[in-house]
């Protein structure tokens, strides 16, 4: 995890204490501890897919009226991971 150590060296000690840095093993299980499998895209270990079965959920997070804009509700559970002071 050398790249991770490089990133950690650029972050404040307070942030590093609050953040979780996941390795190549067990990261899917840790994500599922904080995000419901029904909300997590299939490519990240969850059950969510687009209406056409795409595991990347591209249609779920973008709008035809606002291409490239992400839906806030899609990522709301991620805020449970980050709690500012």
C-alpha atoms as a PDB file:
ATOM      1  CA  UNK A   1       0.000   0.000   0.000  1.00  0.00           C
ATOM      2  CA  UNK A   2       2.775   2.419  -0.856  1.00  0.00           C
ATOM      3  CA  UNK A   3       0.475   4.851  -2.756  1.00  0.00           C
ATOM      4  CA  UNK A   4      -1.799   4.940   0.291  1.00  0.00           C
ATOM      5  CA  UNK A   5       1.139   5.840   2.527  1.00  0.00           C
ATOM      6  CA  UNK A   6       2.056   8.681   0.177  1.00  0.00           C
ATOM      7  CA  UNK A   7      -1.503  10.026   0.363  1.00  0.00           C
ATOM      8  CA  UNK A   8      -1.573   9.664   4.152  1.00  0.00           C
ATOM      9  CA  UNK A   9       1.582  11.754   4.445  1.00  0.00           C
ATOM     10  CA  UNK A  10      -0.232  14.654   2.730  1.00  0.00           C
ATOM     11  CA  UNK A  11      -3.232  14.547   5.085  1.00  0.00           C
ATOM     12  CA  UNK A  12      -3.593  15.996   8.538  1.00  0.00           C
ATOM     13  CA  UNK A  13      -3.190  13.621  11.467  1.00  0.00           C
ATOM     14  CA  UNK A  14      -6.775  14.365  12.578  1.00  0.00           C
ATOM     15  CA  UNK A  15      -8.139  13.288   9.194  1.00  0.00           C
ATOM     16  CA  UNK A  16      -6.022  10.128   9.055  1.00  0.00           C
ATOM     17  CA  UNK A  17      -7.389   9.125  12.478  1.00  0.00           C
ATOM     18  CA  UNK A  18     -11.010   9.475  11.265  1.00  0.00           C
ATOM     19  CA  UNK A  19     -10.558   7.976   7.796  1.00  0.00           C
ATOM     20  CA  UNK A  20     -10.562   4.295   6.922  1.00  0.00           C
ATOM     21  CA  UNK A  21      -7.948   3.218   4.423  1.00  0.00           C
ATOM     22  CA  UNK A  22      -8.981  -0.106   2.933  1.00  0.00           C
ATOM     23  CA  UNK A  23      -6.597  -2.643   1.461  1.00  0.00           C
ATOM     24  CA  UNK A  24      -7.193  -5.046  -1.403  1.00  0.00           C
ATOM     25  CA  UNK A  25      -8.818  -7.656   0.856  1.00  0.00           C
ATOM     26  CA  UNK A  26     -12.029  -7.256   2.824  1.00  0.00           C
ATOM     27  CA  UNK A  27     -12.984  -3.828   1.481  1.00  0.00           C
ATOM     28  CA  UNK A  28     -16.333  -4.984   0.086  1.00  0.00           C
ATOM     29  CA  UNK A  29     -17.388  -6.343   3.456  1.00  0.00           C
ATOM     30  CA  UNK A  30     -16.404  -3.085   5.157  1.00  0.00           C
ATOM     31  CA  UNK A  31     -18.433  -1.068   2.648  1.00  0.00           C
ATOM     32  CA  UNK A  32     -21.444  -3.288   3.296  1.00  0.00           C
ATOM     33  CA  UNK A  33     -21.168  -2.516   7.012  1.00  0.00           C
ATOM     34  CA  UNK A  34     -22.056   1.144   6.351  1.00  0.00           C
ATOM     35  CA  UNK A  35     -24.012   1.008   3.074  1.00  0.00           C
ATOM     36  CA  UNK A  36     -27.035  -1.201   2.422  1.00  0.00           C
ATOM     37  CA  UNK A  37     -26.391  -3.821  -0.265  1.00  0.00           C
ATOM     38  CA  UNK A  38     -29.543  -2.610  -2.047  1.00  0.00           C
ATOM     39  CA  UNK A  39     -27.983   0.864  -2.371  1.00  0.00           C
ATOM     40  CA  UNK A  40     -24.419  -0.173  -3.227  1.00  0.00           C
ATOM     41  CA  UNK A  41     -23.675  -0.779  -6.940  1.00  0.00           C
ATOM     42  CA  UNK A  42     -23.037  -4.389  -7.915  1.00  0.00           C
ATOM     43  CA  UNK A  43     -19.487  -3.622  -9.073  1.00  0.00           C
ATOM     44  CA  UNK A  44     -18.694  -2.572  -5.494  1.00  0.00           C
ATOM     45  CA  UNK A  45     -20.168  -5.711  -3.953  1.00  0.00           C
ATOM     46  CA  UNK A  46     -23.777  -4.597  -3.576  1.00  0.00           C
ATOM     47  CA  UNK A  47     -26.974  -5.603  -5.329  1.00  0.00           C
ATOM     48  CA  UNK A  48     -27.891  -2.377  -7.151  1.00  0.00           C
ATOM     49  CA  UNK A  49     -27.990  -2.305 -10.957  1.00  0.00           C
ATOM     50  CA  UNK A  50     -29.529  -0.018 -13.565  1.00  0.00           C
ATOM     51  CA  UNK A  51     -32.896  -0.793 -15.080  1.00  0.00           C
ATOM     52  CA  UNK A  52     -30.980  -2.397 -17.955  1.00  0.00           C
ATOM     53  CA  UNK A  53     -28.840  -4.512 -15.587  1.00  0.00           C
ATOM     54  CA  UNK A  54     -25.684  -2.391 -15.777  1.00  0.00           C
ATOM     55  CA  UNK A  55     -23.713  -2.966 -12.512  1.00  0.00           C
ATOM     56  CA  UNK A  56     -22.074   0.478 -12.833  1.00  0.00           C
ATOM     57  CA  UNK A  57     -25.469   2.186 -12.275  1.00  0.00           C
ATOM     58  CA  UNK A  58     -24.723   4.963 -14.743  1.00  0.00           C
ATOM     59  CA  UNK A  59     -28.416   5.661 -15.382  1.00  0.00           C
ATOM     60  CA  UNK A  60     -29.130   5.744 -11.655  1.00  0.00           C
ATOM     61  CA  UNK A  61     -26.641   8.514 -10.896  1.00  0.00           C
ATOM     62  CA  UNK A  62     -27.083  10.777 -13.896  1.00  0.00           C
ATOM     63  CA  UNK A  63     -29.991  12.644 -15.350  1.00  0.00           C
ATOM     64  CA  UNK A  64     -30.749  13.273 -19.010  1.00  0.00           C
ATOM     65  CA  UNK A  65     -31.647  16.868 -18.086  1.00  0.00           C
ATOM     66  CA  UNK A  66     -28.369  17.369 -16.234  1.00  0.00           C
ATOM     67  CA  UNK A  67     -25.705  15.082 -17.714  1.00  0.00           C
ATOM     68  CA  UNK A  68     -22.886  14.401 -15.335  1.00  0.00           C
ATOM     69  CA  UNK A  69     -24.778  15.535 -12.224  1.00  0.00           C
ATOM     70  CA  UNK A  70     -24.996  12.936  -9.468  1.00  0.00           C
ATOM     71  CA  UNK A  71     -28.140  12.318  -7.489  1.00  0.00           C
ATOM     72  CA  UNK A  72     -27.614  13.190  -3.853  1.00  0.00           C
ATOM     73  CA  UNK A  73     -29.835  10.349  -2.650  1.00  0.00           C
ATOM     74  CA  UNK A  74     -27.577   7.810  -4.338  1.00  0.00           C
ATOM     75  CA  UNK A  75     -24.627   8.728  -2.151  1.00  0.00           C
ATOM     76  CA  UNK A  76     -26.383   9.782   1.072  1.00  0.00           C
ATOM     77  CA  UNK A  77     -25.195   6.710   2.995  1.00  0.00           C
ATOM     78  CA  UNK A  78     -21.577   7.585   2.230  1.00  0.00           C
ATOM     79  CA  UNK A  79     -21.876  10.568   4.564  1.00  0.00           C
ATOM     80  CA  UNK A  80     -22.098   8.109   7.445  1.00  0.00           C
ATOM     81  CA  UNK A  81     -18.416   7.367   6.805  1.00  0.00           C
ATOM     82  CA  UNK A  82     -17.325  10.986   7.171  1.00  0.00           C
ATOM     83  CA  UNK A  83     -18.290  12.962  10.235  1.00  0.00           C
ATOM     84  CA  UNK A  84     -16.703  16.398  10.465  1.00  0.00           C
ATOM     85  CA  UNK A  85     -15.947  17.969  13.840  1.00  0.00           C
END
